[in-house]
Amino acid sequence: MNLLKNKDKLISTKQEILASKEALRLARLRYEVGISTLKDVLIRQKELTLSQSKNIDAIYNYNINLDKLERLTFLLKNKDCNSDINTNEDFKDSICDY
């Protein structure tokens, strides 16, 4: 359950980073035109930094939970876990299969 929760958190933090990058880009454009202030740009940069920090924490928590699951189940994550097709018999006992 924690692994699935952290996987969802990873996805949401990636989307948050994309949104923050776009907000920063727009703030910079507004600043260059003269509509916005430098403070707005700095606030958007701070939001982007916080989003990236949250993403790093989510990756860390996901990896910790993945390691705990491997230790509890005695199953190892295979190297081709992210590939679409795992047809090799060596990958029979993998976390990716569950």
PDB file of N, CA and C in Angstrom:
ATOM      1  N   MET A   1       0.829  -1.195   0.000  1.00  0.00           N
ATOM      2  CA  MET A   1       0.000   0.000   0.000  1.00  0.00           C
ATOM      3  C   MET A   1       0.874   1.259   0.000  1.00  0.00           C
ATOM      4  N   ASN A   2       1.911   1.248   0.838  1.00  0.00           N
ATOM      5  CA  ASN A   2       2.796   2.414   0.886  1.00  0.00           C
ATOM      6  C   ASN A   2       3.518   2.613  -0.437  1.00  0.00           C
ATOM      7  N   LEU A   3       3.873   1.510  -1.072  1.00  0.00           N
ATOM      8  CA  LEU A   3       4.559   1.601  -2.350  1.00  0.00           C
ATOM      9  C   LEU A   3       3.657   2.241  -3.406  1.00  0.00           C
ATOM     10  N   LEU A   4       2.407   1.842  -3.433  1.00  0.00           N
ATOM     11  CA  LEU A   4       1.458   2.433  -4.381  1.00  0.00           C
ATOM     12  C   LEU A   4       1.204   3.905  -4.062  1.00  0.00           C
ATOM     13  N   LYS A   5       1.117   4.225  -2.784  1.00  0.00           N
ATOM     14  CA  LYS A   5       0.917   5.616  -2.371  1.00  0.00           C
ATOM     15  C   LYS A   5       2.099   6.476  -2.805  1.00  0.00           C
ATOM     16  N   ASN A   6       3.301   5.957  -2.622  1.00  0.00           N
ATOM     17  CA  ASN A   6       4.489   6.712  -3.011  1.00  0.00           C
ATOM     18  C   ASN A   6       4.625   6.818  -4.522  1.00  0.00           C
ATOM     19  N   LYS A   7       4.152   5.809  -5.240  1.00  0.00           N
ATOM     20  CA  LYS A   7       4.168   5.881  -6.702  1.00  0.00           C
ATOM     21  C   LYS A   7       3.235   6.997  -7.186  1.00  0.00           C
ATOM     22  N   ASP A   8       2.061   7.093  -6.564  1.00  0.00           N
ATOM     23  CA  ASP A   8       1.141   8.178  -6.907  1.00  0.00           C
ATOM     24  C   ASP A   8       1.736   9.543  -6.548  1.00  0.00           C
ATOM     25  N   LYS A   9       2.441   9.584  -5.431  1.00  0.00           N
ATOM     26  CA  LYS A   9       3.088  10.839  -5.004  1.00  0.00           C
ATOM     27  C   LYS A   9       4.157  11.248  -6.017  1.00  0.00           C
ATOM     28  N   LEU A  10       4.887  10.264  -6.551  1.00  0.00           N
ATOM     29  CA  LEU A  10       5.888  10.553  -7.582  1.00  0.00           C
ATOM     30  C   LEU A  10       5.242  11.195  -8.802  1.00  0.00           C
ATOM     31  N   ILE A  11       4.141  10.630  -9.223  1.00  0.00           N
ATOM     32  CA  ILE A  11       3.445  11.160 -10.402  1.00  0.00           C
ATOM     33  C   ILE A  11       2.945  12.576 -10.146  1.00  0.00           C
ATOM     34  N   SER A  12       2.377  12.799  -8.974  1.00  0.00           N
ATOM     35  CA  SER A  12       1.839  14.134  -8.681  1.00  0.00           C
ATOM     36  C   SER A  12       2.949  15.172  -8.539  1.00  0.00           C
ATOM     37  N   THR A  13       4.099  14.780  -7.973  1.00  0.00           N
ATOM     38  CA  THR A  13       5.186  15.754  -7.846  1.00  0.00           C
ATOM     39  C   THR A  13       5.800  16.082  -9.200  1.00  0.00           C
ATOM     40  N   LYS A  14       5.828  15.109 -10.113  1.00  0.00           N
ATOM     41  CA  LYS A  14       6.311  15.401 -11.472  1.00  0.00           C
ATOM     42  C   LYS A  14       5.392  16.414 -12.149  1.00  0.00           C
ATOM     43  N   GLN A  15       4.089  16.243 -11.978  1.00  0.00           N
ATOM     44  CA  GLN A  15       3.140  17.189 -12.566  1.00  0.00           C
ATOM     45  C   GLN A  15       3.256  18.558 -11.907  1.00  0.00           C
ATOM     46  N   GLU A  16       3.532  18.569 -10.604  1.00  0.00           N
ATOM     47  CA  GLU A  16       3.712  19.825  -9.895  1.00  0.00           C
ATOM     48  C   GLU A  16       4.947  20.567 -10.403  1.00  0.00           C
ATOM     49  N   ILE A  17       6.001  19.828 -10.708  1.00  0.00           N
ATOM     50  CA  ILE A  17       7.208  20.452 -11.259  1.00  0.00           C
ATOM     51  C   ILE A  17       6.915  21.071 -12.615  1.00  0.00           C
ATOM     52  N   LEU A  18       6.197  20.342 -13.452  1.00  0.00           N
ATOM     53  CA  LEU A  18       5.853  20.880 -14.770  1.00  0.00           C
ATOM     54  C   LEU A  18       5.022  22.155 -14.653  1.00  0.00           C
ATOM     55  N   ALA A  19       4.057  22.156 -13.734  1.00  0.00           N
ATOM     56  CA  ALA A  19       3.224  23.336 -13.537  1.00  0.00           C
ATOM     57  C   ALA A  19       4.051  24.505 -13.004  1.00  0.00           C
ATOM     58  N   SER A  20       4.972  24.216 -12.102  1.00  0.00           N
ATOM     59  CA  SER A  20       5.823  25.274 -11.544  1.00  0.00           C
ATOM     60  C   SER A  20       6.757  25.853 -12.594  1.00  0.00           C
ATOM     61  N   LYS A  21       7.276  25.005 -13.474  1.00  0.00           N
ATOM     62  CA  LYS A  21       8.142  25.498 -14.550  1.00  0.00           C
ATOM     63  C   LYS A  21       7.371  26.416 -15.486  1.00  0.00           C
ATOM     64  N   GLU A  22       6.147  26.043 -15.785  1.00  0.00           N
ATOM     65  CA  GLU A  22       5.326  26.877 -16.664  1.00  0.00           C
ATOM     66  C   GLU A  22       4.983  28.200 -15.986  1.00  0.00           C
ATOM     67  N   ALA A  23       4.666  28.159 -14.696  1.00  0.00           N
ATOM     68  CA  ALA A  23       4.358  29.390 -13.964  1.00  0.00           C
ATOM     69  C   ALA A  23       5.584  30.303 -13.908  1.00  0.00           C
ATOM     70  N   LEU A  24       6.766  29.718 -13.749  1.00  0.00           N
ATOM     71  CA  LEU A  24       7.995  30.512 -13.737  1.00  0.00           C
ATOM     72  C   LEU A  24       8.253  31.136 -15.108  1.00  0.00           C
ATOM     73  N   ARG A  25       8.024  30.365 -16.154  1.00  0.00           N
ATOM     74  CA  ARG A  25       8.215  30.887 -17.508  1.00  0.00           C
ATOM     75  C   ARG A  25       7.286  32.078 -17.763  1.00  0.00           C
ATOM     76  N   LEU A  26       6.028  31.930 -17.350  1.00  0.00           N
ATOM     77  CA  LEU A  26       5.069  33.020 -17.543  1.00  0.00           C
ATOM     78  C   LEU A  26       5.417  34.237 -16.690  1.00  0.00           C
ATOM     79  N   ALA A  27       5.890  34.002 -15.470  1.00  0.00           N
ATOM     80  CA  ALA A  27       6.282  35.117 -14.602  1.00  0.00           C
ATOM     81  C   ALA A  27       7.467  35.868 -15.194  1.00  0.00           C
ATOM     82  N   ARG A  28       8.410  35.136 -15.767  1.00  0.00           N
ATOM     83  CA  ARG A  28       9.560  35.797 -16.404  1.00  0.00           C
ATOM     84  C   ARG A  28       9.124  36.619 -17.612  1.00  0.00           C
ATOM     85  N   LEU A  29       8.200  36.069 -18.399  1.00  0.00           N
ATOM     86  CA  LEU A  29       7.695  36.818 -19.557  1.00  0.00           C
ATOM     87  C   LEU A  29       6.970  38.084 -19.115  1.00  0.00           C
ATOM     88  N   ARG A  30       6.146  37.967 -18.081  1.00  0.00           N
ATOM     89  CA  ARG A  30       5.436  39.150 -17.564  1.00  0.00           C
ATOM     90  C   ARG A  30       6.424  40.194 -17.034  1.00  0.00           C
ATOM     91  N   TYR A  31       7.492  39.709 -16.395  1.00  0.00           N
ATOM     92  CA  TYR A  31       8.504  40.631 -15.867  1.00  0.00           C
ATOM     93  C   TYR A  31       9.232  41.357 -17.003  1.00  0.00           C
ATOM     94  N   GLU A  32       9.564  40.609 -18.059  1.00  0.00           N
ATOM     95  CA  GLU A  32      10.267  41.225 -19.196  1.00  0.00           C
ATOM     96  C   GLU A  32       9.408  42.281 -19.887  1.00  0.00           C
ATOM     97  N   VAL A  33       8.112  42.051 -19.917  1.00  0.00           N
ATOM     98  CA  VAL A  33       7.209  43.005 -20.551  1.00  0.00           C
ATOM     99  C   VAL A  33       6.959  44.206 -19.640  1.00  0.00           C
ATOM    100  N   GLY A  34       7.100  44.007 -18.332  1.00  0.00           N
ATOM    101  CA  GLY A  34       6.890  45.091 -17.387  1.00  0.00           C
ATOM    102  C   GLY A  34       5.594  45.013 -16.636  1.00  0.00           C
ATOM    103  N   ILE A  35       4.878  43.926 -16.803  1.00  0.00           N
ATOM    104  CA  ILE A  35       3.591  43.757 -16.129  1.00  0.00           C
ATOM    105  C   ILE A  35       3.788  43.304 -14.681  1.00  0.00           C
ATOM    106  N   SER A  36       4.814  42.521 -14.452  1.00  0.00           N
ATOM    107  CA  SER A  36       5.032  41.896 -13.152  1.00  0.00           C
ATOM    108  C   SER A  36       6.296  42.450 -12.496  1.00  0.00           C
ATOM    109  N   THR A  37       6.488  42.086 -11.245  1.00  0.00           N
ATOM    110  CA  THR A  37       7.675  42.522 -10.509  1.00  0.00           C
ATOM    111  C   THR A  37       8.647  41.360 -10.356  1.00  0.00           C
ATOM    112  N   LEU A  38       9.845  41.697  -9.931  1.00  0.00           N
ATOM    113  CA  LEU A  38      10.868  40.677  -9.696  1.00  0.00           C
ATOM    114  C   LEU A  38      10.470  39.763  -8.546  1.00  0.00           C
ATOM    115  N   LYS A  39       9.706  40.296  -7.622  1.00  0.00           N
ATOM    116  CA  LYS A  39       9.244  39.489  -6.478  1.00  0.00           C
ATOM    117  C   LYS A  39       8.395  38.316  -6.957  1.00  0.00           C
ATOM    118  N   ASP A  40       7.546  38.527  -7.947  1.00  0.00           N
ATOM    119  CA  ASP A  40       6.725  37.449  -8.491  1.00  0.00           C
ATOM    120  C   ASP A  40       7.594  36.348  -9.101  1.00  0.00           C
ATOM    121  N   VAL A  41       8.639  36.746  -9.808  1.00  0.00           N
ATOM    122  CA  VAL A  41       9.553  35.772 -10.405  1.00  0.00           C
ATOM    123  C   VAL A  41      10.251  34.967  -9.308  1.00  0.00           C
ATOM    124  N   LEU A  42      10.690  35.662  -8.259  1.00  0.00           N
ATOM    125  CA  LEU A  42      11.372  34.966  -7.167  1.00  0.00           C
ATOM    126  C   LEU A  42      10.440  34.011  -6.434  1.00  0.00           C
ATOM    127  N   ILE A  43       9.191  34.380  -6.284  1.00  0.00           N
ATOM    128  CA  ILE A  43       8.208  33.487  -5.649  1.00  0.00           C
ATOM    129  C   ILE A  43       8.023  32.233  -6.495  1.00  0.00           C
ATOM    130  N   ARG A  44       7.940  32.396  -7.803  1.00  0.00           N
ATOM    131  CA  ARG A  44       7.776  31.235  -8.695  1.00  0.00           C
ATOM    132  C   ARG A  44       9.017  30.344  -8.666  1.00  0.00           C
ATOM    133  N   GLN A  45      10.209  30.955  -8.567  1.00  0.00           N
ATOM    134  CA  GLN A  45      11.432  30.158  -8.449  1.00  0.00           C
ATOM    135  C   GLN A  45      11.442  29.361  -7.153  1.00  0.00           C
ATOM    136  N   LYS A  46      10.966  29.975  -6.091  1.00  0.00           N
ATOM    137  CA  LYS A  46      10.875  29.290  -4.804  1.00  0.00           C
ATOM    138  C   LYS A  46       9.899  28.119  -4.893  1.00  0.00           C
ATOM    139  N   GLU A  47       8.767  28.326  -5.547  1.00  0.00           N
ATOM    140  CA  GLU A  47       7.792  27.245  -5.718  1.00  0.00           C
ATOM    141  C   GLU A  47       8.376  26.092  -6.524  1.00  0.00           C
ATOM    142  N   LEU A  48       9.144  26.412  -7.562  1.00  0.00           N
ATOM    143  CA  LEU A  48       9.783  25.373  -8.362  1.00  0.00           C
ATOM    144  C   LEU A  48      10.792  24.590  -7.532  1.00  0.00           C
ATOM    145  N   THR A  49      11.572  25.290  -6.719  1.00  0.00           N
ATOM    146  CA  THR A  49      12.555  24.626  -5.866  1.00  0.00           C
ATOM    147  C   THR A  49      11.866  23.711  -4.863  1.00  0.00           C
ATOM    148  N   LEU A  50      10.764  24.168  -4.282  1.00  0.00           N
ATOM    149  CA  LEU A  50      10.018  23.326  -3.338  1.00  0.00           C
ATOM    150  C   LEU A  50       9.421  22.104  -4.035  1.00  0.00           C
ATOM    151  N   SER A  51       8.945  22.290  -5.250  1.00  0.00           N
ATOM    152  CA  SER A  51       8.393  21.158  -6.016  1.00  0.00           C
ATOM    153  C   SER A  51       9.469  20.125  -6.302  1.00  0.00           C
ATOM    154  N   GLN A  52      10.647  20.591  -6.678  1.00  0.00           N
ATOM    155  CA  GLN A  52      11.741  19.665  -6.943  1.00  0.00           C
ATOM    156  C   GLN A  52      12.176  18.948  -5.671  1.00  0.00           C
ATOM    157  N   SER A  53      12.152  19.645  -4.550  1.00  0.00           N
ATOM    158  CA  SER A  53      12.491  19.032  -3.270  1.00  0.00           C
ATOM    159  C   SER A  53      11.475  17.957  -2.890  1.00  0.00           C
ATOM    160  N   LYS A  54      10.198  18.240  -3.111  1.00  0.00           N
ATOM    161  CA  LYS A  54       9.156  17.247  -2.847  1.00  0.00           C
ATOM    162  C   LYS A  54       9.335  16.016  -3.730  1.00  0.00           C
ATOM    163  N   ASN A  55       9.746  16.237  -4.974  1.00  0.00           N
ATOM    164  CA  ASN A  55       9.964  15.118  -5.888  1.00  0.00           C
ATOM    165  C   ASN A  55      11.122  14.245  -5.407  1.00  0.00           C
ATOM    166  N   ILE A  56      12.177  14.865  -4.941  1.00  0.00           N
ATOM    167  CA  ILE A  56      13.313  14.106  -4.417  1.00  0.00           C
ATOM    168  C   ILE A  56      12.892  13.296  -3.199  1.00  0.00           C
ATOM    169  N   ASP A  57      12.092  13.896  -2.315  1.00  0.00           N
ATOM    170  CA  ASP A  57      11.593  13.165  -1.145  1.00  0.00           C
ATOM    171  C   ASP A  57      10.704  11.991  -1.561  1.00  0.00           C
ATOM    172  N   ALA A  58       9.885  12.204  -2.582  1.00  0.00           N
ATOM    173  CA  ALA A  58       9.005  11.131  -3.054  1.00  0.00           C
ATOM    174  C   ALA A  58       9.821   9.988  -3.650  1.00  0.00           C
ATOM    175  N   ILE A  59      10.868  10.304  -4.397  1.00  0.00           N
ATOM    176  CA  ILE A  59      11.739   9.261  -4.953  1.00  0.00           C
ATOM    177  C   ILE A  59      12.418   8.493  -3.828  1.00  0.00           C
ATOM    178  N   TYR A  60      12.893   9.217  -2.827  1.00  0.00           N
ATOM    179  CA  TYR A  60      13.544   8.583  -1.680  1.00  0.00           C
ATOM    180  C   TYR A  60      12.583   7.635  -0.961  1.00  0.00           C
ATOM    181  N   ASN A  61      11.382   8.111  -0.666  1.00  0.00           N
ATOM    182  CA  ASN A  61      10.408   7.273   0.036  1.00  0.00           C
ATOM    183  C   ASN A  61       9.999   6.063  -0.796  1.00  0.00           C
ATOM    184  N   TYR A  62       9.851   6.252  -2.100  1.00  0.00           N
ATOM    185  CA  TYR A  62       9.509   5.135  -2.978  1.00  0.00           C
ATOM    186  C   TYR A  62      10.606   4.069  -2.940  1.00  0.00           C
ATOM    187  N   ASN A  63      11.850   4.498  -3.033  1.00  0.00           N
ATOM    188  CA  ASN A  63      12.961   3.545  -3.016  1.00  0.00           C
ATOM    189  C   ASN A  63      13.083   2.837  -1.668  1.00  0.00           C
ATOM    190  N   ILE A  64      12.839   3.549  -0.581  1.00  0.00           N
ATOM    191  CA  ILE A  64      12.870   2.930   0.750  1.00  0.00           C
ATOM    192  C   ILE A  64      11.783   1.870   0.852  1.00  0.00           C
ATOM    193  N   ASN A  65      10.572   2.189   0.422  1.00  0.00           N
ATOM    194  CA  ASN A  65       9.481   1.221   0.486  1.00  0.00           C
ATOM    195  C   ASN A  65       9.703   0.045  -0.452  1.00  0.00           C
ATOM    196  N   LEU A  66      10.305   0.295  -1.603  1.00  0.00           N
ATOM    197  CA  LEU A  66      10.623  -0.790  -2.522  1.00  0.00           C
ATOM    198  C   LEU A  66      11.644  -1.737  -1.896  1.00  0.00           C
ATOM    199  N   ASP A  67      12.634  -1.173  -1.230  1.00  0.00           N
ATOM    200  CA  ASP A  67      13.633  -1.993  -0.548  1.00  0.00           C
ATOM    201  C   ASP A  67      13.000  -2.800   0.579  1.00  0.00           C
ATOM    202  N   LYS A  68      12.112  -2.193   1.344  1.00  0.00           N
ATOM    203  CA  LYS A  68      11.425  -2.914   2.422  1.00  0.00           C
ATOM    204  C   LYS A  68      10.606  -4.079   1.859  1.00  0.00           C
ATOM    205  N   LEU A  69       9.938  -3.824   0.740  1.00  0.00           N
ATOM    206  CA  LEU A  69       9.141  -4.885   0.118  1.00  0.00           C
ATOM    207  C   LEU A  69      10.026  -6.025  -0.364  1.00  0.00           C
ATOM    208  N   GLU A  70      11.167  -5.681  -0.947  1.00  0.00           N
ATOM    209  CA  GLU A  70      12.097  -6.718  -1.398  1.00  0.00           C
ATOM    210  C   GLU A  70      12.588  -7.548  -0.214  1.00  0.00           C
ATOM    211  N   ARG A  71      12.864  -6.899   0.898  1.00  0.00           N
ATOM    212  CA  ARG A  71      13.351  -7.628   2.070  1.00  0.00           C
ATOM    213  C   ARG A  71      12.269  -8.507   2.681  1.00  0.00           C
ATOM    214  N   LEU A  72      11.040  -8.020   2.689  1.00  0.00           N
ATOM    215  CA  LEU A  72       9.954  -8.792   3.287  1.00  0.00           C
ATOM    216  C   LEU A  72       9.535  -9.983   2.436  1.00  0.00           C
ATOM    217  N   THR A  73       9.576  -9.825   1.127  1.00  0.00           N
ATOM    218  CA  THR A  73       9.096 -10.880   0.235  1.00  0.00           C
ATOM    219  C   THR A  73      10.216 -11.754  -0.319  1.00  0.00           C
ATOM    220  N   PHE A  74      11.457 -11.354  -0.117  1.00  0.00           N
ATOM    221  CA  PHE A  74      12.624 -12.059  -0.654  1.00  0.00           C
ATOM    222  C   PHE A  74      12.617 -12.100  -2.178  1.00  0.00           C
ATOM    223  N   LEU A  75      11.910 -11.168  -2.787  1.00  0.00           N
ATOM    224  CA  LEU A  75      11.897 -11.047  -4.247  1.00  0.00           C
ATOM    225  C   LEU A  75      12.727  -9.832  -4.630  1.00  0.00           C
ATOM    226  N   LEU A  76      13.476  -9.956  -5.685  1.00  0.00           N
ATOM    227  CA  LEU A  76      14.312  -8.859  -6.145  1.00  0.00           C
ATOM    228  C   LEU A  76      13.676  -8.181  -7.338  1.00  0.00           C
ATOM    229  N   LYS A  77      13.880  -6.879  -7.441  1.00  0.00           N
ATOM    230  CA  LYS A  77      13.428  -6.133  -8.607  1.00  0.00           C
ATOM    231  C   LYS A  77      14.415  -6.404  -9.727  1.00  0.00           C
ATOM    232  N   ASN A  78      13.918  -6.891 -10.849  1.00  0.00           N
ATOM    233  CA  ASN A  78      14.841  -7.167 -11.951  1.00  0.00           C
ATOM    234  C   ASN A  78      15.246  -5.892 -12.648  1.00  0.00           C
ATOM    235  N   LYS A  79      16.311  -5.971 -13.417  1.00  0.00           N
ATOM    236  CA  LYS A  79      16.863  -4.789 -14.079  1.00  0.00           C
ATOM    237  C   LYS A  79      15.966  -4.273 -15.186  1.00  0.00           C
ATOM    238  N   ASP A  80      15.158  -5.131 -15.779  1.00  0.00           N
ATOM    239  CA  ASP A  80      14.277  -4.724 -16.863  1.00  0.00           C
ATOM    240  C   ASP A  80      12.847  -4.518 -16.376  1.00  0.00           C
ATOM    241  N   CYS A  81      12.698  -4.051 -15.176  1.00  0.00           N
ATOM    242  CA  CYS A  81      11.373  -3.884 -14.578  1.00  0.00           C
ATOM    243  C   CYS A  81      10.528  -2.880 -15.351  1.00  0.00           C
ATOM    244  N   ASN A  82      11.157  -1.882 -15.904  1.00  0.00           N
ATOM    245  CA  ASN A  82      10.409  -0.853 -16.613  1.00  0.00           C
ATOM    246  C   ASN A  82      10.106  -1.219 -18.064  1.00  0.00           C
ATOM    247  N   SER A  83      10.684  -2.289 -18.543  1.00  0.00           N
ATOM    248  CA  SER A  83      10.412  -2.677 -19.927  1.00  0.00           C
ATOM    249  C   SER A  83       9.014  -3.276 -20.029  1.00  0.00           C
ATOM    250  N   ASP A  84       8.470  -3.220 -21.222  1.00  0.00           N
ATOM    251  CA  ASP A  84       7.103  -3.683 -21.429  1.00  0.00           C
ATOM    252  C   ASP A  84       6.996  -5.199 -21.411  1.00  0.00           C
ATOM    253  N   ILE A  85       8.011  -5.876 -21.893  1.00  0.00           N
ATOM    254  CA  ILE A  85       7.947  -7.323 -22.040  1.00  0.00           C
ATOM    255  C   ILE A  85       9.063  -7.959 -21.220  1.00  0.00           C
ATOM    256  N   ASN A  86       8.686  -8.783 -20.266  1.00  0.00           N
ATOM    257  CA  ASN A  86       9.646  -9.560 -19.485  1.00  0.00           C
ATOM    258  C   ASN A  86       9.379 -11.035 -19.785  1.00  0.00           C
ATOM    259  N   THR A  87       9.971 -11.544 -20.835  1.00  0.00           N
ATOM    260  CA  THR A  87       9.692 -12.909 -21.247  1.00  0.00           C
ATOM    261  C   THR A  87      10.741 -13.898 -20.782  1.00  0.00           C
ATOM    262  N   ASN A  88      11.855 -13.404 -20.288  1.00  0.00           N
ATOM    263  CA  ASN A  88      12.938 -14.279 -19.863  1.00  0.00           C
ATOM    264  C   ASN A  88      12.523 -15.043 -18.609  1.00  0.00           C
ATOM    265  N   GLU A  89      12.847 -16.305 -18.544  1.00  0.00           N
ATOM    266  CA  GLU A  89      12.484 -17.134 -17.402  1.00  0.00           C
ATOM    267  C   GLU A  89      13.203 -16.706 -16.123  1.00  0.00           C
ATOM    268  N   ASP A  90      14.330 -16.017 -16.252  1.00  0.00           N
ATOM    269  CA  ASP A  90      15.068 -15.565 -15.075  1.00  0.00           C
ATOM    270  C   ASP A  90      14.281 -14.520 -14.284  1.00  0.00           C
ATOM    271  N   PHE A  91      13.332 -13.861 -14.923  1.00  0.00           N
ATOM    272  CA  PHE A  91      12.579 -12.809 -14.277  1.00  0.00           C
ATOM    273  C   PHE A  91      11.289 -13.342 -13.644  1.00  0.00           C
ATOM    274  N   LYS A  92      11.219 -14.602 -13.439  1.00  0.00           N
ATOM    275  CA  LYS A  92      10.006 -15.237 -12.919  1.00  0.00           C
ATOM    276  C   LYS A  92       9.663 -14.741 -11.511  1.00  0.00           C
ATOM    277  N   ASP A  93      10.659 -14.577 -10.668  1.00  0.00           N
ATOM    278  CA  ASP A  93      10.445 -14.133  -9.301  1.00  0.00           C
ATOM    279  C   ASP A  93      10.864 -12.683  -9.156  1.00  0.00           C
ATOM    280  N   SER A  94       9.996 -11.816  -9.605  1.00  0.00           N
ATOM    281  CA  SER A  94      10.304 -10.392  -9.584  1.00  0.00           C
ATOM    282  C   SER A  94       9.142  -9.624  -9.019  1.00  0.00           C
ATOM    283  N   ILE A  95       9.429  -8.502  -8.377  1.00  0.00           N
ATOM    284  CA  ILE A  95       8.389  -7.623  -7.860  1.00  0.00           C
ATOM    285  C   ILE A  95       7.558  -7.045  -8.996  1.00  0.00           C
ATOM    286  N   CYS A  96       8.169  -6.882 -10.149  1.00  0.00           N
ATOM    287  CA  CYS A  96       7.469  -6.285 -11.284  1.00  0.00           C
ATOM    288  C   CYS A  96       6.297  -7.144 -11.750  1.00  0.00           C
ATOM    289  N   ASP A  97       6.330  -8.410 -11.449  1.00  0.00           N
ATOM    290  CA  ASP A  97       5.288  -9.313 -11.909  1.00  0.00           C
ATOM    291  C   ASP A  97       4.032  -9.246 -11.047  1.00  0.00           C
ATOM    292  N   TYR A  98       4.093  -8.547  -9.938  1.00  0.00           N
ATOM    293  CA  TYR A  98       2.977  -8.526  -9.004  1.00  0.00           C
ATOM    294  C   TYR A  98       2.303  -7.194  -8.960  1.00  0.00           C
TER     295      TYR A  98
END
